[in-house]
Amino acid sequence: QVQLVESGGGLVQAGESLRLSCAASGRTVSSYPMAWFRQAPGKEREFVAVIHWTGRSTSYADSVKGRFTISRDNAKKTAYLQMNSLKPEDTAVYYCAAARPMVWPVSEYAYWGQGTQVTVSS
């Protein structure tokens, strides 16, 4: 069983940065691909970024490419999402997710955190 806890959300102005963290529990979490999703009010949850369990491969939504960076520290069992040049349209609840171990590319996610709110004012 894997539990995920997000942190680092908050209120920022457009153009500023935030770093989200996702702390994972579980003995073998270092073999799980991890991802970030987000859900804005009134919209469907959407994919943001995913990272291979080794950290050697990543993929991003077009809307965040060049601004967001996903990373992980397997020793700390933590994934990160560095968000730069934030825009009001980035406002959403951000969720961390983990896929089944050693499956790549990822087609579904088995574990989800409870989310952290990111609000970007104009």
N, C-alpha and C. Protein backbone atom coordinates (compact mmCIF):
# COMPACT_ATOMS: atom_id res chain seq x y z
N GLN A 1 0.84 -1.19 0.00
CA GLN A 1 0.00 0.00 0.00
C GLN A 1 0.88 1.24 0.00
N VAL A 2 0.49 2.23 -0.76
CA VAL A 2 1.24 3.47 -0.85
C VAL A 2 0.34 4.62 -0.42
N GLN A 3 0.85 5.47 0.43
CA GLN A 3 0.12 6.69 0.81
C GLN A 3 0.92 7.90 0.35
N LEU A 4 0.21 8.88 -0.16
CA LEU A 4 0.85 10.07 -0.72
C LEU A 4 0.31 11.31 -0.02
N VAL A 5 1.20 12.20 0.36
CA VAL A 5 0.80 13.43 1.05
C VAL A 5 1.47 14.61 0.36
N GLU A 6 0.65 15.49 -0.19
CA GLU A 6 1.17 16.67 -0.87
C GLU A 6 1.32 17.84 0.09
N SER A 7 2.25 18.72 -0.24
CA SER A 7 2.43 19.96 0.51
C SER A 7 3.05 21.00 -0.41
N GLY A 8 3.03 22.26 0.05
CA GLY A 8 3.69 23.32 -0.69
C GLY A 8 2.78 24.25 -1.47
N GLY A 9 1.49 23.96 -1.47
CA GLY A 9 0.57 24.84 -2.18
C GLY A 9 0.44 26.18 -1.46
N GLY A 10 -0.23 27.11 -2.13
CA GLY A 10 -0.44 28.42 -1.53
C GLY A 10 -0.94 29.43 -2.53
N LEU A 11 -0.93 30.69 -2.10
CA LEU A 11 -1.38 31.80 -2.93
C LEU A 11 -0.16 32.60 -3.38
N VAL A 12 -0.02 32.76 -4.69
CA VAL A 12 1.09 33.54 -5.24
C VAL A 12 0.55 34.46 -6.33
N GLN A 13 1.39 35.40 -6.72
CA GLN A 13 1.03 36.28 -7.83
C GLN A 13 1.55 35.72 -9.14
N ALA A 14 0.93 36.12 -10.22
CA ALA A 14 1.38 35.69 -11.54
C ALA A 14 2.86 36.00 -11.73
N GLY A 15 3.57 35.04 -12.31
CA GLY A 15 5.00 35.21 -12.54
C GLY A 15 5.88 34.63 -11.45
N GLU A 16 5.28 34.35 -10.30
CA GLU A 16 6.06 33.80 -9.19
C GLU A 16 6.19 32.28 -9.30
N SER A 17 6.87 31.70 -8.31
CA SER A 17 7.15 30.26 -8.34
C SER A 17 6.65 29.59 -7.06
N LEU A 18 6.42 28.30 -7.17
CA LEU A 18 6.10 27.44 -6.03
C LEU A 18 6.73 26.08 -6.28
N ARG A 19 7.05 25.39 -5.19
CA ARG A 19 7.49 24.00 -5.31
C ARG A 19 6.57 23.12 -4.48
N LEU A 20 5.96 22.18 -5.13
CA LEU A 20 5.11 21.21 -4.45
C LEU A 20 5.93 19.97 -4.12
N SER A 21 5.60 19.35 -2.99
CA SER A 21 6.24 18.11 -2.58
C SER A 21 5.19 17.03 -2.40
N CYS A 22 5.58 15.80 -2.66
CA CYS A 22 4.71 14.65 -2.47
C CYS A 22 5.50 13.60 -1.70
N ALA A 23 5.19 13.45 -0.43
CA ALA A 23 5.86 12.46 0.40
C ALA A 23 5.13 11.14 0.32
N ALA A 24 5.86 10.08 -0.01
CA ALA A 24 5.26 8.76 -0.20
C ALA A 24 5.70 7.80 0.89
N SER A 25 4.77 6.97 1.30
CA SER A 25 5.11 5.90 2.24
C SER A 25 5.09 4.58 1.48
N GLY A 26 5.73 3.59 2.02
CA GLY A 26 5.76 2.30 1.33
C GLY A 26 7.19 1.86 1.10
N ARG A 27 7.44 0.59 1.27
CA ARG A 27 8.81 0.09 1.26
C ARG A 27 9.45 0.19 -0.11
N THR A 28 8.70 -0.04 -1.19
CA THR A 28 9.27 -0.09 -2.54
C THR A 28 8.83 1.07 -3.40
N VAL A 29 8.50 2.20 -2.79
CA VAL A 29 7.96 3.32 -3.55
C VAL A 29 8.95 3.82 -4.59
N SER A 30 10.23 3.53 -4.42
CA SER A 30 11.23 3.99 -5.38
C SER A 30 11.07 3.32 -6.74
N SER A 31 10.25 2.29 -6.85
CA SER A 31 10.03 1.63 -8.13
C SER A 31 8.71 2.04 -8.79
N TYR A 32 8.06 3.06 -8.26
CA TYR A 32 6.78 3.51 -8.79
C TYR A 32 6.95 4.77 -9.63
N PRO A 33 6.42 4.79 -10.84
CA PRO A 33 6.34 6.08 -11.54
C PRO A 33 5.43 7.01 -10.74
N MET A 34 5.77 8.29 -10.72
CA MET A 34 4.96 9.24 -9.98
C MET A 34 4.60 10.41 -10.87
N ALA A 35 3.46 11.00 -10.57
CA ALA A 35 2.94 12.03 -11.46
C ALA A 35 2.22 13.11 -10.67
N TRP A 36 1.98 14.20 -11.35
CA TRP A 36 1.15 15.28 -10.82
C TRP A 36 -0.01 15.51 -11.78
N PHE A 37 -1.16 15.72 -11.19
CA PHE A 37 -2.38 16.09 -11.90
C PHE A 37 -2.91 17.36 -11.25
N ARG A 38 -3.86 18.00 -11.91
CA ARG A 38 -4.51 19.15 -11.30
C ARG A 38 -5.97 19.21 -11.73
N GLN A 39 -6.76 19.86 -10.89
CA GLN A 39 -8.18 20.03 -11.19
C GLN A 39 -8.61 21.44 -10.82
N ALA A 40 -9.00 22.19 -11.81
CA ALA A 40 -9.50 23.55 -11.61
C ALA A 40 -11.00 23.49 -11.35
N PRO A 41 -11.55 24.51 -10.69
CA PRO A 41 -12.99 24.52 -10.40
C PRO A 41 -13.82 24.35 -11.67
N GLY A 42 -14.75 23.41 -11.64
CA GLY A 42 -15.64 23.20 -12.77
C GLY A 42 -15.02 22.46 -13.94
N LYS A 43 -13.79 21.98 -13.77
CA LYS A 43 -13.12 21.29 -14.87
C LYS A 43 -12.73 19.89 -14.46
N GLU A 44 -12.42 19.07 -15.48
CA GLU A 44 -11.97 17.70 -15.22
C GLU A 44 -10.52 17.74 -14.70
N ARG A 45 -10.16 16.70 -13.99
CA ARG A 45 -8.77 16.57 -13.56
C ARG A 45 -7.90 16.31 -14.79
N GLU A 46 -6.75 16.98 -14.85
CA GLU A 46 -5.89 16.85 -16.02
C GLU A 46 -4.46 16.50 -15.62
N PHE A 47 -3.81 15.80 -16.52
CA PHE A 47 -2.42 15.40 -16.33
C PHE A 47 -1.52 16.62 -16.41
N VAL A 48 -0.49 16.65 -15.54
CA VAL A 48 0.49 17.73 -15.56
C VAL A 48 1.87 17.20 -15.95
N ALA A 49 2.34 16.18 -15.23
CA ALA A 49 3.69 15.66 -15.48
C ALA A 49 3.83 14.30 -14.85
N VAL A 50 4.75 13.49 -15.40
CA VAL A 50 5.04 12.16 -14.86
C VAL A 50 6.54 11.95 -14.91
N ILE A 51 7.04 11.14 -13.96
CA ILE A 51 8.46 10.83 -13.91
C ILE A 51 8.67 9.33 -13.70
N HIS A 52 9.60 8.77 -14.46
CA HIS A 52 9.99 7.37 -14.35
C HIS A 52 10.55 7.10 -12.95
N TRP A 53 10.47 5.86 -12.49
CA TRP A 53 10.95 5.56 -11.14
C TRP A 53 12.44 5.84 -10.98
N THR A 54 13.20 5.82 -12.06
CA THR A 54 14.63 6.14 -11.97
C THR A 54 14.88 7.64 -12.04
N GLY A 55 13.88 8.38 -12.46
CA GLY A 55 14.05 9.82 -12.65
C GLY A 55 14.63 10.18 -14.01
N ARG A 56 14.92 9.18 -14.84
CA ARG A 56 15.62 9.43 -16.10
C ARG A 56 14.70 9.83 -17.24
N SER A 57 13.39 9.69 -17.03
CA SER A 57 12.46 10.06 -18.09
C SER A 57 11.30 10.83 -17.50
N THR A 58 10.89 11.86 -18.19
CA THR A 58 9.76 12.67 -17.75
C THR A 58 8.89 13.02 -18.95
N SER A 59 7.67 13.40 -18.66
CA SER A 59 6.75 13.85 -19.70
C SER A 59 5.87 14.93 -19.11
N TYR A 60 5.49 15.91 -19.94
CA TYR A 60 4.72 17.05 -19.45
C TYR A 60 3.54 17.35 -20.35
N ALA A 61 2.52 17.94 -19.76
CA ALA A 61 1.43 18.50 -20.55
C ALA A 61 1.97 19.71 -21.30
N ASP A 62 1.44 19.94 -22.48
CA ASP A 62 1.90 21.07 -23.29
C ASP A 62 1.74 22.40 -22.56
N SER A 63 0.70 22.49 -21.74
CA SER A 63 0.39 23.75 -21.07
C SER A 63 1.43 24.15 -20.03
N VAL A 64 2.27 23.21 -19.59
CA VAL A 64 3.26 23.51 -18.55
C VAL A 64 4.70 23.32 -19.01
N LYS A 65 4.89 22.82 -20.21
CA LYS A 65 6.25 22.59 -20.71
C LYS A 65 7.06 23.88 -20.68
N GLY A 66 8.28 23.77 -20.19
CA GLY A 66 9.16 24.93 -20.11
C GLY A 66 8.97 25.75 -18.86
N ARG A 67 7.91 25.51 -18.11
CA ARG A 67 7.66 26.26 -16.88
C ARG A 67 7.72 25.37 -15.64
N PHE A 68 7.25 24.13 -15.76
CA PHE A 68 7.21 23.20 -14.63
C PHE A 68 8.28 22.14 -14.80
N THR A 69 8.81 21.67 -13.67
CA THR A 69 9.79 20.58 -13.68
C THR A 69 9.42 19.57 -12.61
N ILE A 70 9.28 18.31 -13.02
CA ILE A 70 9.03 17.23 -12.07
C ILE A 70 10.36 16.56 -11.74
N SER A 71 10.53 16.19 -10.48
CA SER A 71 11.75 15.51 -10.06
C SER A 71 11.40 14.60 -8.89
N ARG A 72 12.36 13.79 -8.48
CA ARG A 72 12.13 12.91 -7.35
C ARG A 72 13.45 12.64 -6.63
N ASP A 73 13.32 12.33 -5.36
CA ASP A 73 14.44 11.93 -4.53
C ASP A 73 14.03 10.61 -3.88
N ASN A 74 14.49 9.51 -4.44
CA ASN A 74 14.04 8.21 -3.95
C ASN A 74 14.53 7.93 -2.53
N ALA A 75 15.65 8.48 -2.16
CA ALA A 75 16.14 8.29 -0.79
C ALA A 75 15.17 8.93 0.22
N LYS A 76 14.55 10.02 -0.18
CA LYS A 76 13.59 10.71 0.69
C LYS A 76 12.16 10.28 0.40
N LYS A 77 11.97 9.41 -0.59
CA LYS A 77 10.63 8.95 -0.98
C LYS A 77 9.73 10.15 -1.28
N THR A 78 10.25 11.10 -2.00
CA THR A 78 9.53 12.34 -2.26
C THR A 78 9.64 12.72 -3.73
N ALA A 79 8.52 13.15 -4.29
CA ALA A 79 8.50 13.73 -5.64
C ALA A 79 8.21 15.22 -5.51
N TYR A 80 8.66 15.96 -6.50
CA TYR A 80 8.51 17.41 -6.46
C TYR A 80 7.95 17.92 -7.78
N LEU A 81 7.31 19.07 -7.69
CA LEU A 81 6.90 19.79 -8.88
C LEU A 81 7.30 21.25 -8.70
N GLN A 82 8.34 21.65 -9.41
CA GLN A 82 8.77 23.04 -9.40
C GLN A 82 7.98 23.79 -10.45
N MET A 83 7.27 24.82 -10.01
CA MET A 83 6.40 25.57 -10.91
C MET A 83 6.89 27.01 -10.99
N ASN A 84 7.35 27.39 -12.16
CA ASN A 84 7.84 28.75 -12.39
C ASN A 84 6.92 29.49 -13.34
N SER A 85 7.06 30.80 -13.35
CA SER A 85 6.26 31.65 -14.25
C SER A 85 4.78 31.30 -14.17
N LEU A 86 4.28 31.20 -12.97
CA LEU A 86 2.89 30.77 -12.77
C LEU A 86 1.91 31.77 -13.38
N LYS A 87 0.81 31.23 -13.87
CA LYS A 87 -0.24 32.01 -14.51
C LYS A 87 -1.55 31.79 -13.75
N PRO A 88 -2.47 32.73 -13.85
CA PRO A 88 -3.77 32.52 -13.18
C PRO A 88 -4.45 31.22 -13.61
N GLU A 89 -4.25 30.81 -14.85
CA GLU A 89 -4.86 29.57 -15.32
C GLU A 89 -4.23 28.31 -14.73
N ASP A 90 -3.16 28.46 -13.97
CA ASP A 90 -2.57 27.33 -13.25
C ASP A 90 -3.29 27.08 -11.92
N THR A 91 -4.20 27.96 -11.56
CA THR A 91 -4.95 27.80 -10.32
C THR A 91 -5.74 26.50 -10.34
N ALA A 92 -5.51 25.67 -9.33
CA ALA A 92 -6.16 24.35 -9.27
C ALA A 92 -5.76 23.66 -7.97
N VAL A 93 -6.43 22.56 -7.70
CA VAL A 93 -5.94 21.63 -6.68
C VAL A 93 -4.99 20.67 -7.39
N TYR A 94 -3.79 20.54 -6.85
CA TYR A 94 -2.77 19.68 -7.44
C TYR A 94 -2.68 18.38 -6.66
N TYR A 95 -2.73 17.28 -7.41
CA TYR A 95 -2.71 15.95 -6.83
C TYR A 95 -1.45 15.20 -7.25
N CYS A 96 -0.91 14.48 -6.30
CA CYS A 96 0.19 13.56 -6.58
C CYS A 96 -0.41 12.17 -6.81
N ALA A 97 0.19 11.42 -7.74
CA ALA A 97 -0.29 10.07 -8.02
C ALA A 97 0.88 9.14 -8.25
N ALA A 98 0.67 7.87 -7.96
CA ALA A 98 1.68 6.85 -8.19
C ALA A 98 1.06 5.71 -8.99
N ALA A 99 1.83 5.24 -9.96
CA ALA A 99 1.36 4.12 -10.78
C ALA A 99 1.85 2.81 -10.21
N ARG A 100 1.48 1.73 -10.83
CA ARG A 100 1.95 0.41 -10.41
C ARG A 100 3.46 0.34 -10.59
N PRO A 101 4.15 -0.42 -9.75
CA PRO A 101 5.61 -0.44 -9.82
C PRO A 101 6.14 -0.97 -11.14
N MET A 102 7.16 -0.30 -11.64
CA MET A 102 7.93 -0.73 -12.81
C MET A 102 7.07 -0.94 -14.04
N VAL A 103 6.09 -0.07 -14.22
CA VAL A 103 5.28 -0.06 -15.43
C VAL A 103 5.51 1.25 -16.14
N TRP A 104 5.94 1.16 -17.40
CA TRP A 104 6.23 2.36 -18.19
C TRP A 104 6.05 2.04 -19.66
N PRO A 105 5.34 2.85 -20.42
CA PRO A 105 4.67 4.08 -19.99
C PRO A 105 3.44 3.79 -19.14
N VAL A 106 3.02 4.81 -18.42
CA VAL A 106 1.92 4.65 -17.48
C VAL A 106 0.58 4.87 -18.17
N SER A 107 -0.36 3.97 -17.91
CA SER A 107 -1.71 4.14 -18.47
C SER A 107 -2.75 4.39 -17.39
N GLU A 108 -2.43 4.04 -16.17
CA GLU A 108 -3.36 4.31 -15.08
C GLU A 108 -2.60 4.46 -13.78
N TYR A 109 -3.23 5.14 -12.84
CA TYR A 109 -2.60 5.42 -11.56
C TYR A 109 -3.38 4.75 -10.44
N ALA A 110 -2.63 4.11 -9.55
CA ALA A 110 -3.28 3.30 -8.52
C ALA A 110 -3.44 4.04 -7.20
N TYR A 111 -2.62 5.03 -6.98
CA TYR A 111 -2.62 5.71 -5.67
C TYR A 111 -2.66 7.22 -5.87
N TRP A 112 -3.42 7.87 -5.00
CA TRP A 112 -3.62 9.31 -5.11
C TRP A 112 -3.49 9.98 -3.75
N GLY A 113 -2.94 11.20 -3.77
CA GLY A 113 -2.96 12.01 -2.57
C GLY A 113 -4.25 12.79 -2.48
N GLN A 114 -4.36 13.59 -1.42
CA GLN A 114 -5.60 14.34 -1.20
C GLN A 114 -5.58 15.72 -1.83
N GLY A 115 -4.44 16.14 -2.30
CA GLY A 115 -4.36 17.39 -3.05
C GLY A 115 -3.91 18.58 -2.22
N THR A 116 -3.36 19.56 -2.92
CA THR A 116 -2.95 20.81 -2.29
C THR A 116 -3.36 21.95 -3.23
N GLN A 117 -3.91 23.01 -2.63
CA GLN A 117 -4.45 24.11 -3.43
C GLN A 117 -3.35 25.06 -3.87
N VAL A 118 -3.37 25.38 -5.15
CA VAL A 118 -2.48 26.42 -5.70
C VAL A 118 -3.37 27.50 -6.30
N THR A 119 -3.18 28.72 -5.84
CA THR A 119 -3.96 29.85 -6.36
C THR A 119 -3.00 30.91 -6.88
N VAL A 120 -3.20 31.31 -8.13
CA VAL A 120 -2.34 32.31 -8.75
C VAL A 120 -3.19 33.54 -9.07
N SER A 121 -2.85 34.64 -8.45
CA SER A 121 -3.61 35.88 -8.68
C SER A 121 -2.96 36.70 -9.79
N SER A 122 -3.79 37.45 -10.49
CA SER A 122 -3.28 38.24 -11.62
C SER A 122 -2.87 39.63 -11.18
